[in-house]
Amino acid sequence: MIQPTIGQLETEISDQVKNLYHQRLGQLPSQIICHFFDTEIIISLENSITPVEETLLQGGYENLAEQVRSYLDKLIKPQLKKTIEEIIGKPVLNLMTNTNLVTRRTGIIVILKSVN
């Protein structure tokens, strides 16, 4: 069997993350950038906040919007981890996410193995 290239893995991860955000959160990020490093994968999503979060921000409820995003990130993390593990065929040790509601960007850092 032919092993996929790093570029193919990055494309597949980007496509699956975009699908996941669309299916689970109802938000289709406008762009996803994925870079694969030795023991890490870095993923950046543009326009990743949901209409509900946008409405809360416009209404002056920044703290509530931050809480909603925090819960959404916690709920979607296990599926992100599982999806990435299936694509790369390796276990994910840690997956960290952060969304900036002002810039509407989400960053995801995936740690594949410990550096000893």
PDB file of N, CA and C in Angstrom:
ATOM      1  N   MET A   1       0.826  -1.176   0.000  1.00  0.00           N
ATOM      2  CA  MET A   1       0.000   0.000   0.000  1.00  0.00           C
ATOM      3  C   MET A   1       0.880   1.253   0.000  1.00  0.00           C
ATOM      4  N   ILE A   2       0.507   2.240  -0.785  1.00  0.00           N
ATOM      5  CA  ILE A   2       1.256   3.482  -0.893  1.00  0.00           C
ATOM      6  C   ILE A   2       0.882   4.401   0.272  1.00  0.00           C
ATOM      7  N   GLN A   3       1.899   4.921   0.933  1.00  0.00           N
ATOM      8  CA  GLN A   3       1.679   5.850   2.042  1.00  0.00           C
ATOM      9  C   GLN A   3       1.336   7.230   1.496  1.00  0.00           C
ATOM     10  N   PRO A   4       0.347   7.895   2.093  1.00  0.00           N
ATOM     11  CA  PRO A   4       0.017   9.248   1.635  1.00  0.00           C
ATOM     12  C   PRO A   4       1.143  10.224   1.946  1.00  0.00           C
ATOM     13  N   THR A   5       1.263  11.243   1.125  1.00  0.00           N
ATOM     14  CA  THR A   5       2.271  12.277   1.365  1.00  0.00           C
ATOM     15  C   THR A   5       1.801  13.192   2.495  1.00  0.00           C
ATOM     16  N   ILE A   6       2.709  13.994   3.015  1.00  0.00           N
ATOM     17  CA  ILE A   6       2.354  14.968   4.052  1.00  0.00           C
ATOM     18  C   ILE A   6       1.285  15.915   3.511  1.00  0.00           C
ATOM     19  N   GLY A   7       1.438  16.360   2.280  1.00  0.00           N
ATOM     20  CA  GLY A   7       0.458  17.250   1.665  1.00  0.00           C
ATOM     21  C   GLY A   7      -0.922  16.616   1.574  1.00  0.00           C
ATOM     22  N   GLN A   8      -0.976  15.340   1.236  1.00  0.00           N
ATOM     23  CA  GLN A   8      -2.254  14.636   1.166  1.00  0.00           C
ATOM     24  C   GLN A   8      -2.890  14.520   2.551  1.00  0.00           C
ATOM     25  N   LEU A   9      -2.066  14.258   3.568  1.00  0.00           N
ATOM     26  CA  LEU A   9      -2.580  14.179   4.939  1.00  0.00           C
ATOM     27  C   LEU A   9      -3.116  15.540   5.392  1.00  0.00           C
ATOM     28  N   GLU A  10      -2.371  16.604   5.089  1.00  0.00           N
ATOM     29  CA  GLU A  10      -2.814  17.942   5.461  1.00  0.00           C
ATOM     30  C   GLU A  10      -4.145  18.292   4.788  1.00  0.00           C
ATOM     31  N   THR A  11      -4.280  17.945   3.526  1.00  0.00           N
ATOM     32  CA  THR A  11      -5.525  18.201   2.792  1.00  0.00           C
ATOM     33  C   THR A  11      -6.681  17.406   3.378  1.00  0.00           C
ATOM     34  N   GLU A  12      -6.441  16.139   3.678  1.00  0.00           N
ATOM     35  CA  GLU A  12      -7.493  15.287   4.249  1.00  0.00           C
ATOM     36  C   GLU A  12      -7.921  15.789   5.628  1.00  0.00           C
ATOM     37  N   ILE A  13      -6.953  16.169   6.452  1.00  0.00           N
ATOM     38  CA  ILE A  13      -7.281  16.703   7.776  1.00  0.00           C
ATOM     39  C   ILE A  13      -8.096  17.990   7.626  1.00  0.00           C
ATOM     40  N   SER A  14      -7.667  18.881   6.744  1.00  0.00           N
ATOM     41  CA  SER A  14      -8.393  20.137   6.514  1.00  0.00           C
ATOM     42  C   SER A  14      -9.828  19.863   6.082  1.00  0.00           C
ATOM     43  N   ASP A  15     -10.002  18.969   5.137  1.00  0.00           N
ATOM     44  CA  ASP A  15     -11.343  18.641   4.635  1.00  0.00           C
ATOM     45  C   ASP A  15     -12.225  18.063   5.730  1.00  0.00           C
ATOM     46  N   GLN A  16     -11.675  17.145   6.527  1.00  0.00           N
ATOM     47  CA  GLN A  16     -12.469  16.502   7.575  1.00  0.00           C
ATOM     48  C   GLN A  16     -12.794  17.455   8.723  1.00  0.00           C
ATOM     49  N   VAL A  17     -11.862  18.342   9.057  1.00  0.00           N
ATOM     50  CA  VAL A  17     -12.128  19.332  10.108  1.00  0.00           C
ATOM     51  C   VAL A  17     -13.214  20.293   9.635  1.00  0.00           C
ATOM     52  N   LYS A  18     -13.139  20.705   8.380  1.00  0.00           N
ATOM     53  CA  LYS A  18     -14.168  21.590   7.820  1.00  0.00           C
ATOM     54  C   LYS A  18     -15.535  20.913   7.868  1.00  0.00           C
ATOM     55  N   ASN A  19     -15.589  19.654   7.474  1.00  0.00           N
ATOM     56  CA  ASN A  19     -16.850  18.898   7.522  1.00  0.00           C
ATOM     57  C   ASN A  19     -17.369  18.770   8.949  1.00  0.00           C
ATOM     58  N   LEU A  20     -16.483  18.501   9.880  1.00  0.00           N
ATOM     59  CA  LEU A  20     -16.865  18.340  11.282  1.00  0.00           C
ATOM     60  C   LEU A  20     -17.461  19.635  11.843  1.00  0.00           C
ATOM     61  N   TYR A  21     -16.808  20.751  11.582  1.00  0.00           N
ATOM     62  CA  TYR A  21     -17.327  22.033  12.062  1.00  0.00           C
ATOM     63  C   TYR A  21     -18.676  22.341  11.424  1.00  0.00           C
ATOM     64  N   HIS A  22     -18.825  22.003  10.171  1.00  0.00           N
ATOM     65  CA  HIS A  22     -20.087  22.257   9.492  1.00  0.00           C
ATOM     66  C   HIS A  22     -21.202  21.368  10.051  1.00  0.00           C
ATOM     67  N   GLN A  23     -20.915  20.081  10.215  1.00  0.00           N
ATOM     68  CA  GLN A  23     -21.930  19.137  10.700  1.00  0.00           C
ATOM     69  C   GLN A  23     -22.276  19.349  12.169  1.00  0.00           C
ATOM     70  N   ARG A  24     -21.267  19.524  13.009  1.00  0.00           N
ATOM     71  CA  ARG A  24     -21.500  19.589  14.453  1.00  0.00           C
ATOM     72  C   ARG A  24     -21.856  20.983  14.965  1.00  0.00           C
ATOM     73  N   LEU A  25     -21.281  22.034  14.353  1.00  0.00           N
ATOM     74  CA  LEU A  25     -21.499  23.384  14.854  1.00  0.00           C
ATOM     75  C   LEU A  25     -22.347  24.244  13.922  1.00  0.00           C
ATOM     76  N   GLY A  26     -22.616  23.738  12.724  1.00  0.00           N
ATOM     77  CA  GLY A  26     -23.402  24.514  11.780  1.00  0.00           C
ATOM     78  C   GLY A  26     -22.637  25.685  11.199  1.00  0.00           C
ATOM     79  N   GLN A  27     -21.320  25.642  11.293  1.00  0.00           N
ATOM     80  CA  GLN A  27     -20.492  26.726  10.788  1.00  0.00           C
ATOM     81  C   GLN A  27     -19.472  26.167   9.809  1.00  0.00           C
ATOM     82  N   LEU A  28     -19.430  26.721   8.622  1.00  0.00           N
ATOM     83  CA  LEU A  28     -18.476  26.301   7.601  1.00  0.00           C
ATOM     84  C   LEU A  28     -17.334  27.311   7.570  1.00  0.00           C
ATOM     85  N   PRO A  29     -16.180  26.961   8.163  1.00  0.00           N
ATOM     86  CA  PRO A  29     -15.044  27.885   8.124  1.00  0.00           C
ATOM     87  C   PRO A  29     -14.696  28.243   6.683  1.00  0.00           C
ATOM     88  N   SER A  30     -14.313  29.507   6.471  1.00  0.00           N
ATOM     89  CA  SER A  30     -14.016  29.956   5.110  1.00  0.00           C
ATOM     90  C   SER A  30     -12.681  29.422   4.607  1.00  0.00           C
ATOM     91  N   GLN A  31     -11.762  29.166   5.512  1.00  0.00           N
ATOM     92  CA  GLN A  31     -10.453  28.640   5.112  1.00  0.00           C
ATOM     93  C   GLN A  31      -9.860  27.845   6.270  1.00  0.00           C
ATOM     94  N   ILE A  32      -9.189  26.762   5.927  1.00  0.00           N
ATOM     95  CA  ILE A  32      -8.465  25.978   6.925  1.00  0.00           C
ATOM     96  C   ILE A  32      -7.057  25.755   6.403  1.00  0.00           C
ATOM     97  N   ILE A  33      -6.095  26.040   7.254  1.00  0.00           N
ATOM     98  CA  ILE A  33      -4.693  25.813   6.922  1.00  0.00           C
ATOM     99  C   ILE A  33      -4.179  24.763   7.894  1.00  0.00           C
ATOM    100  N   CYS A  34      -3.529  23.749   7.360  1.00  0.00           N
ATOM    101  CA  CYS A  34      -3.016  22.647   8.182  1.00  0.00           C
ATOM    102  C   CYS A  34      -1.543  22.421   7.840  1.00  0.00           C
ATOM    103  N   HIS A  35      -0.704  22.376   8.869  1.00  0.00           N
ATOM    104  CA  HIS A  35       0.723  22.096   8.679  1.00  0.00           C
ATOM    105  C   HIS A  35       1.130  20.940   9.587  1.00  0.00           C
ATOM    106  N   PHE A  36       1.785  19.981   9.011  1.00  0.00           N
ATOM    107  CA  PHE A  36       2.238  18.781   9.699  1.00  0.00           C
ATOM    108  C   PHE A  36       3.720  18.944   9.999  1.00  0.00           C
ATOM    109  N   PHE A  37       4.080  18.839  11.273  1.00  0.00           N
ATOM    110  CA  PHE A  37       5.467  18.886  11.684  1.00  0.00           C
ATOM    111  C   PHE A  37       5.844  17.513  12.231  1.00  0.00           C
ATOM    112  N   ASP A  38       7.064  17.327  12.699  1.00  0.00           N
ATOM    113  CA  ASP A  38       7.521  16.016  13.164  1.00  0.00           C
ATOM    114  C   ASP A  38       6.567  15.378  14.173  1.00  0.00           C
ATOM    115  N   THR A  39       6.275  16.089  15.238  1.00  0.00           N
ATOM    116  CA  THR A  39       5.438  15.532  16.301  1.00  0.00           C
ATOM    117  C   THR A  39       4.193  16.376  16.560  1.00  0.00           C
ATOM    118  N   GLU A  40       3.911  17.315  15.672  1.00  0.00           N
ATOM    119  CA  GLU A  40       2.768  18.203  15.863  1.00  0.00           C
ATOM    120  C   GLU A  40       2.055  18.484  14.555  1.00  0.00           C
ATOM    121  N   ILE A  41       0.782  18.800  14.686  1.00  0.00           N
ATOM    122  CA  ILE A  41      -0.016  19.292  13.566  1.00  0.00           C
ATOM    123  C   ILE A  41      -0.635  20.600  14.038  1.00  0.00           C
ATOM    124  N   ILE A  42      -0.504  21.631  13.229  1.00  0.00           N
ATOM    125  CA  ILE A  42      -1.079  22.925  13.545  1.00  0.00           C
ATOM    126  C   ILE A  42      -2.184  23.205  12.524  1.00  0.00           C
ATOM    127  N   ILE A  43      -3.376  23.556  13.029  1.00  0.00           N
ATOM    128  CA  ILE A  43      -4.520  23.812  12.154  1.00  0.00           C
ATOM    129  C   ILE A  43      -5.084  25.192  12.503  1.00  0.00           C
ATOM    130  N   SER A  44      -5.313  25.996  11.477  1.00  0.00           N
ATOM    131  CA  SER A  44      -5.882  27.325  11.650  1.00  0.00           C
ATOM    132  C   SER A  44      -7.181  27.413  10.860  1.00  0.00           C
ATOM    133  N   LEU A  45      -8.245  27.867  11.517  1.00  0.00           N
ATOM    134  CA  LEU A  45      -9.556  28.010  10.875  1.00  0.00           C
ATOM    135  C   LEU A  45      -9.950  29.478  10.837  1.00  0.00           C
ATOM    136  N   GLU A  46     -10.362  29.944   9.678  1.00  0.00           N
ATOM    137  CA  GLU A  46     -10.851  31.311   9.506  1.00  0.00           C
ATOM    138  C   GLU A  46     -12.372  31.308   9.568  1.00  0.00           C
ATOM    139  N   ASN A  47     -12.947  32.330  10.170  1.00  0.00           N
ATOM    140  CA  ASN A  47     -14.406  32.471  10.280  1.00  0.00           C
ATOM    141  C   ASN A  47     -15.038  31.221  10.884  1.00  0.00           C
ATOM    142  N   SER A  48     -14.581  30.867  12.062  1.00  0.00           N
ATOM    143  CA  SER A  48     -15.013  29.620  12.692  1.00  0.00           C
ATOM    144  C   SER A  48     -16.077  29.813  13.773  1.00  0.00           C
ATOM    145  N   ILE A  49     -16.482  31.051  14.046  1.00  0.00           N
ATOM    146  CA  ILE A  49     -17.485  31.220  15.103  1.00  0.00           C
ATOM    147  C   ILE A  49     -18.892  31.034  14.534  1.00  0.00           C
ATOM    148  N   THR A  50     -19.768  30.568  15.394  1.00  0.00           N
ATOM    149  CA  THR A  50     -21.131  30.231  14.979  1.00  0.00           C
ATOM    150  C   THR A  50     -22.022  31.478  14.950  1.00  0.00           C
ATOM    151  N   PRO A  51     -23.149  31.392  14.261  1.00  0.00           N
ATOM    152  CA  PRO A  51     -24.091  32.518  14.267  1.00  0.00           C
ATOM    153  C   PRO A  51     -24.570  32.889  15.673  1.00  0.00           C
ATOM    154  N   VAL A  52     -24.728  31.912  16.544  1.00  0.00           N
ATOM    155  CA  VAL A  52     -25.148  32.199  17.923  1.00  0.00           C
ATOM    156  C   VAL A  52     -24.084  33.032  18.637  1.00  0.00           C
ATOM    157  N   GLU A  53     -22.820  32.649  18.483  1.00  0.00           N
ATOM    158  CA  GLU A  53     -21.737  33.415  19.103  1.00  0.00           C
ATOM    159  C   GLU A  53     -21.699  34.838  18.536  1.00  0.00           C
ATOM    160  N   GLU A  54     -21.868  34.961  17.243  1.00  0.00           N
ATOM    161  CA  GLU A  54     -21.890  36.270  16.590  1.00  0.00           C
ATOM    162  C   GLU A  54     -23.022  37.127  17.150  1.00  0.00           C
ATOM    163  N   THR A  55     -24.197  36.540  17.322  1.00  0.00           N
ATOM    164  CA  THR A  55     -25.346  37.262  17.863  1.00  0.00           C
ATOM    165  C   THR A  55     -25.068  37.725  19.294  1.00  0.00           C
ATOM    166  N   LEU A  56     -24.490  36.854  20.103  1.00  0.00           N
ATOM    167  CA  LEU A  56     -24.150  37.224  21.479  1.00  0.00           C
ATOM    168  C   LEU A  56     -23.144  38.376  21.506  1.00  0.00           C
ATOM    169  N   LEU A  57     -22.140  38.320  20.642  1.00  0.00           N
ATOM    170  CA  LEU A  57     -21.144  39.393  20.578  1.00  0.00           C
ATOM    171  C   LEU A  57     -21.791  40.714  20.182  1.00  0.00           C
ATOM    172  N   GLN A  58     -22.621  40.678  19.173  1.00  0.00           N
ATOM    173  CA  GLN A  58     -23.281  41.902  18.705  1.00  0.00           C
ATOM    174  C   GLN A  58     -24.214  42.481  19.765  1.00  0.00           C
ATOM    175  N   GLY A  59     -24.757  41.610  20.606  1.00  0.00           N
ATOM    176  CA  GLY A  59     -25.652  42.057  21.676  1.00  0.00           C
ATOM    177  C   GLY A  59     -24.938  42.507  22.933  1.00  0.00           C
ATOM    178  N   GLY A  60     -23.604  42.443  22.915  1.00  0.00           N
ATOM    179  CA  GLY A  60     -22.834  42.884  24.069  1.00  0.00           C
ATOM    180  C   GLY A  60     -22.610  41.815  25.129  1.00  0.00           C
ATOM    181  N   TYR A  61     -22.862  40.577  24.783  1.00  0.00           N
ATOM    182  CA  TYR A  61     -22.692  39.461  25.730  1.00  0.00           C
ATOM    183  C   TYR A  61     -21.386  38.696  25.459  1.00  0.00           C
ATOM    184  N   GLU A  62     -20.278  39.414  25.525  1.00  0.00           N
ATOM    185  CA  GLU A  62     -18.976  38.814  25.216  1.00  0.00           C
ATOM    186  C   GLU A  62     -18.645  37.637  26.138  1.00  0.00           C
ATOM    187  N   ASN A  63     -18.918  37.802  27.445  1.00  0.00           N
ATOM    188  CA  ASN A  63     -18.610  36.728  28.397  1.00  0.00           C
ATOM    189  C   ASN A  63     -19.413  35.473  28.106  1.00  0.00           C
ATOM    190  N   LEU A  64     -20.675  35.633  27.787  1.00  0.00           N
ATOM    191  CA  LEU A  64     -21.512  34.474  27.462  1.00  0.00           C
ATOM    192  C   LEU A  64     -21.042  33.819  26.166  1.00  0.00           C
ATOM    193  N   ALA A  65     -20.655  34.631  25.183  1.00  0.00           N
ATOM    194  CA  ALA A  65     -20.130  34.084  23.926  1.00  0.00           C
ATOM    195  C   ALA A  65     -18.864  33.269  24.187  1.00  0.00           C
ATOM    196  N   GLU A  66     -18.002  33.769  25.082  1.00  0.00           N
ATOM    197  CA  GLU A  66     -16.779  33.035  25.437  1.00  0.00           C
ATOM    198  C   GLU A  66     -17.118  31.708  26.123  1.00  0.00           C
ATOM    199  N   GLN A  67     -18.118  31.712  26.991  1.00  0.00           N
ATOM    200  CA  GLN A  67     -18.533  30.479  27.667  1.00  0.00           C
ATOM    201  C   GLN A  67     -19.092  29.471  26.664  1.00  0.00           C
ATOM    202  N   VAL A  68     -19.922  29.952  25.764  1.00  0.00           N
ATOM    203  CA  VAL A  68     -20.491  29.069  24.735  1.00  0.00           C
ATOM    204  C   VAL A  68     -19.364  28.440  23.928  1.00  0.00           C
ATOM    205  N   ARG A  69     -18.384  29.235  23.497  1.00  0.00           N
ATOM    206  CA  ARG A  69     -17.266  28.710  22.704  1.00  0.00           C
ATOM    207  C   ARG A  69     -16.477  27.694  23.495  1.00  0.00           C
ATOM    208  N   SER A  70     -16.270  27.964  24.775  1.00  0.00           N
ATOM    209  CA  SER A  70     -15.520  27.032  25.616  1.00  0.00           C
ATOM    210  C   SER A  70     -16.203  25.670  25.656  1.00  0.00           C
ATOM    211  N   TYR A  71     -17.519  25.675  25.818  1.00  0.00           N
ATOM    212  CA  TYR A  71     -18.262  24.412  25.831  1.00  0.00           C
ATOM    213  C   TYR A  71     -18.252  23.734  24.461  1.00  0.00           C
ATOM    214  N   LEU A  72     -18.385  24.517  23.405  1.00  0.00           N
ATOM    215  CA  LEU A  72     -18.341  23.931  22.060  1.00  0.00           C
ATOM    216  C   LEU A  72     -16.993  23.264  21.806  1.00  0.00           C
ATOM    217  N   ASP A  73     -15.902  23.936  22.203  1.00  0.00           N
ATOM    218  CA  ASP A  73     -14.568  23.357  22.029  1.00  0.00           C
ATOM    219  C   ASP A  73     -14.442  22.040  22.801  1.00  0.00           C
ATOM    220  N   LYS A  74     -14.956  22.000  24.033  1.00  0.00           N
ATOM    221  CA  LYS A  74     -14.889  20.777  24.834  1.00  0.00           C
ATOM    222  C   LYS A  74     -15.693  19.650  24.194  1.00  0.00           C
ATOM    223  N   LEU A  75     -16.842  19.994  23.625  1.00  0.00           N
ATOM    224  CA  LEU A  75     -17.701  18.978  23.013  1.00  0.00           C
ATOM    225  C   LEU A  75     -17.132  18.429  21.709  1.00  0.00           C
ATOM    226  N   ILE A  76     -16.442  19.257  20.953  1.00  0.00           N
ATOM    227  CA  ILE A  76     -15.957  18.827  19.643  1.00  0.00           C
ATOM    228  C   ILE A  76     -14.567  18.175  19.713  1.00  0.00           C
ATOM    229  N   LYS A  77     -13.829  18.405  20.793  1.00  0.00           N
ATOM    230  CA  LYS A  77     -12.464  17.868  20.913  1.00  0.00           C
ATOM    231  C   LYS A  77     -12.369  16.348  20.707  1.00  0.00           C
ATOM    232  N   PRO A  78     -13.213  15.541  21.361  1.00  0.00           N
ATOM    233  CA  PRO A  78     -13.078  14.091  21.173  1.00  0.00           C
ATOM    234  C   PRO A  78     -13.253  13.665  19.706  1.00  0.00           C
ATOM    235  N   GLN A  79     -14.171  14.297  18.990  1.00  0.00           N
ATOM    236  CA  GLN A  79     -14.374  13.948  17.585  1.00  0.00           C
ATOM    237  C   GLN A  79     -13.206  14.421  16.726  1.00  0.00           C
ATOM    238  N   LEU A  80     -12.662  15.593  17.029  1.00  0.00           N
ATOM    239  CA  LEU A  80     -11.466  16.069  16.317  1.00  0.00           C
ATOM    240  C   LEU A  80     -10.312  15.083  16.495  1.00  0.00           C
ATOM    241  N   LYS A  81     -10.103  14.676  17.745  1.00  0.00           N
ATOM    242  CA  LYS A  81      -9.021  13.737  18.062  1.00  0.00           C
ATOM    243  C   LYS A  81      -9.203  12.426  17.307  1.00  0.00           C
ATOM    244  N   LYS A  82     -10.403  11.883  17.354  1.00  0.00           N
ATOM    245  CA  LYS A  82     -10.684  10.614  16.678  1.00  0.00           C
ATOM    246  C   LYS A  82     -10.493  10.738  15.164  1.00  0.00           C
ATOM    247  N   THR A  83     -10.972  11.815  14.594  1.00  0.00           N
ATOM    248  CA  THR A  83     -10.851  12.035  13.150  1.00  0.00           C
ATOM    249  C   THR A  83      -9.395  12.105  12.723  1.00  0.00           C
ATOM    250  N   ILE A  84      -8.598  12.866  13.459  1.00  0.00           N
ATOM    251  CA  ILE A  84      -7.179  13.010  13.120  1.00  0.00           C
ATOM    252  C   ILE A  84      -6.453  11.682  13.280  1.00  0.00           C
ATOM    253  N   GLU A  85      -6.743  10.945  14.351  1.00  0.00           N
ATOM    254  CA  GLU A  85      -6.110   9.636  14.550  1.00  0.00           C
ATOM    255  C   GLU A  85      -6.434   8.684  13.401  1.00  0.00           C
ATOM    256  N   GLU A  86      -7.662   8.702  12.927  1.00  0.00           N
ATOM    257  CA  GLU A  86      -8.052   7.830  11.810  1.00  0.00           C
ATOM    258  C   GLU A  86      -7.308   8.204  10.528  1.00  0.00           C
ATOM    259  N   ILE A  87      -7.116   9.484  10.306  1.00  0.00           N
ATOM    260  CA  ILE A  87      -6.446   9.937   9.082  1.00  0.00           C
ATOM    261  C   ILE A  87      -4.966   9.598   9.106  1.00  0.00           C
ATOM    262  N   ILE A  88      -4.285   9.877  10.229  1.00  0.00           N
ATOM    263  CA  ILE A  88      -2.841   9.691  10.258  1.00  0.00           C
ATOM    264  C   ILE A  88      -2.420   8.307  10.728  1.00  0.00           C
ATOM    265  N   GLY A  89      -3.343   7.566  11.336  1.00  0.00           N
ATOM    266  CA  GLY A  89      -3.016   6.219  11.791  1.00  0.00           C
ATOM    267  C   GLY A  89      -2.086   6.188  12.988  1.00  0.00           C
ATOM    268  N   LYS A  90      -2.085   7.258  13.771  1.00  0.00           N
ATOM    269  CA  LYS A  90      -1.251   7.347  14.971  1.00  0.00           C
ATOM    270  C   LYS A  90      -2.084   7.951  16.097  1.00  0.00           C
ATOM    271  N   PRO A  91      -1.731   7.619  17.352  1.00  0.00           N
ATOM    272  CA  PRO A  91      -2.475   8.198  18.468  1.00  0.00           C
ATOM    273  C   PRO A  91      -2.137   9.678  18.676  1.00  0.00           C
ATOM    274  N   VAL A  92      -3.130  10.427  19.100  1.00  0.00           N
ATOM    275  CA  VAL A  92      -2.955  11.825  19.466  1.00  0.00           C
ATOM    276  C   VAL A  92      -2.802  11.873  20.985  1.00  0.00           C
ATOM    277  N   LEU A  93      -1.680  12.427  21.456  1.00  0.00           N
ATOM    278  CA  LEU A  93      -1.461  12.526  22.902  1.00  0.00           C
ATOM    279  C   LEU A  93      -2.213  13.696  23.506  1.00  0.00           C
ATOM    280  N   ASN A  94      -2.257  14.800  22.786  1.00  0.00           N
ATOM    281  CA  ASN A  94      -2.912  15.982  23.316  1.00  0.00           C
ATOM    282  C   ASN A  94      -3.443  16.811  22.154  1.00  0.00           C
ATOM    283  N   LEU A  95      -4.592  17.433  22.385  1.00  0.00           N
ATOM    284  CA  LEU A  95      -5.195  18.293  21.384  1.00  0.00           C
ATOM    285  C   LEU A  95      -5.679  19.544  22.101  1.00  0.00           C
ATOM    286  N   MET A  96      -5.159  20.701  21.683  1.00  0.00           N
ATOM    287  CA  MET A  96      -5.511  21.971  22.318  1.00  0.00           C
ATOM    288  C   MET A  96      -6.166  22.873  21.293  1.00  0.00           C
ATOM    289  N   THR A  97      -7.219  23.562  21.722  1.00  0.00           N
ATOM    290  CA  THR A  97      -7.901  24.498  20.831  1.00  0.00           C
ATOM    291  C   THR A  97      -8.056  25.845  21.517  1.00  0.00           C
ATOM    292  N   ASN A  98      -8.083  26.886  20.706  1.00  0.00           N
ATOM    293  CA  ASN A  98      -8.360  28.223  21.208  1.00  0.00           C
ATOM    294  C   ASN A  98      -9.029  29.013  20.094  1.00  0.00           C
ATOM    295  N   THR A  99     -10.116  29.690  20.452  1.00  0.00           N
ATOM    296  CA  THR A  99     -10.824  30.518  19.487  1.00  0.00           C
ATOM    297  C   THR A  99     -10.821  31.954  19.966  1.00  0.00           C
ATOM    298  N   ASN A 100     -10.455  32.854  19.063  1.00  0.00           N
ATOM    299  CA  ASN A 100     -10.502  34.277  19.338  1.00  0.00           C
ATOM    300  C   ASN A 100     -11.776  34.807  18.697  1.00  0.00           C
ATOM    301  N   LEU A 101     -12.735  35.194  19.514  1.00  0.00           N
ATOM    302  CA  LEU A 101     -14.017  35.642  18.996  1.00  0.00           C
ATOM    303  C   LEU A 101     -13.922  36.976  18.260  1.00  0.00           C
ATOM    304  N   VAL A 102     -12.921  37.783  18.585  1.00  0.00           N
ATOM    305  CA  VAL A 102     -12.753  39.067  17.904  1.00  0.00           C
ATOM    306  C   VAL A 102     -12.272  38.855  16.469  1.00  0.00           C
ATOM    307  N   THR A 103     -11.279  37.988  16.289  1.00  0.00           N
ATOM    308  CA  THR A 103     -10.738  37.739  14.943  1.00  0.00           C
ATOM    309  C   THR A 103     -11.492  36.641  14.211  1.00  0.00           C
ATOM    310  N   ARG A 104     -12.349  35.898  14.950  1.00  0.00           N
ATOM    311  CA  ARG A 104     -13.149  34.796  14.400  1.00  0.00           C
ATOM    312  C   ARG A 104     -12.274  33.644  13.894  1.00  0.00           C
ATOM    313  N   ARG A 105     -11.126  33.472  14.537  1.00  0.00           N
ATOM    314  CA  ARG A 105     -10.195  32.403  14.152  1.00  0.00           C
ATOM    315  C   ARG A 105     -10.072  31.379  15.276  1.00  0.00           C
ATOM    316  N   THR A 106      -9.877  30.125  14.862  1.00  0.00           N
ATOM    317  CA  THR A 106      -9.618  29.033  15.803  1.00  0.00           C
ATOM    318  C   THR A 106      -8.266  28.427  15.475  1.00  0.00           C
ATOM    319  N   GLY A 107      -7.482  28.170  16.504  1.00  0.00           N
ATOM    320  CA  GLY A 107      -6.214  27.472  16.354  1.00  0.00           C
ATOM    321  C   GLY A 107      -6.293  26.128  17.060  1.00  0.00           C
ATOM    322  N   ILE A 108      -5.779  25.117  16.400  1.00  0.00           N
ATOM    323  CA  ILE A 108      -5.759  23.767  16.966  1.00  0.00           C
ATOM    324  C   ILE A 108      -4.326  23.268  16.908  1.00  0.00           C
ATOM    325  N   ILE A 109      -3.821  22.806  18.039  1.00  0.00           N
ATOM    326  CA  ILE A 109      -2.490  22.196  18.103  1.00  0.00           C
ATOM    327  C   ILE A 109      -2.677  20.748  18.496  1.00  0.00           C
ATOM    328  N   VAL A 110      -2.112  19.863  17.689  1.00  0.00           N
ATOM    329  CA  VAL A 110      -2.220  18.419  17.916  1.00  0.00           C
ATOM    330  C   VAL A 110      -0.812  17.893  18.231  1.00  0.00           C
ATOM    331  N   ILE A 111      -0.657  17.263  19.380  1.00  0.00           N
ATOM    332  CA  ILE A 111       0.625  16.673  19.784  1.00  0.00           C
ATOM    333  C   ILE A 111       0.526  15.178  19.538  1.00  0.00           C
ATOM    334  N   LEU A 112       1.464  14.648  18.733  1.00  0.00           N
ATOM    335  CA  LEU A 112       1.414  13.249  18.359  1.00  0.00           C
ATOM    336  C   LEU A 112       2.224  12.346  19.274  1.00  0.00           C
ATOM    337  N   LYS A 113       3.348  12.813  19.748  1.00  0.00           N
ATOM    338  CA  LYS A 113       4.131  12.008  20.690  1.00  0.00           C
ATOM    339  C   LYS A 113       4.985  12.923  21.520  1.00  0.00           C
ATOM    340  N   SER A 114       5.361  12.433  22.673  1.00  0.00           N
ATOM    341  CA  SER A 114       6.149  13.279  23.582  1.00  0.00           C
ATOM    342  C   SER A 114       7.575  13.412  23.067  1.00  0.00           C
ATOM    343  N   VAL A 115       8.149  14.567  23.358  1.00  0.00           N
ATOM    344  CA  VAL A 115       9.546  14.822  23.007  1.00  0.00           C
ATOM    345  C   VAL A 115      10.360  14.553  24.254  1.00  0.00           C
ATOM    346  N   ASN A 116      11.168  13.503  24.212  1.00  0.00           N
ATOM    347  CA  ASN A 116      11.975  13.121  25.391  1.00  0.00           C
ATOM    348  C   ASN A 116      13.413  13.436  25.176  1.00  0.00           C
TER     349      ASN A 116
END
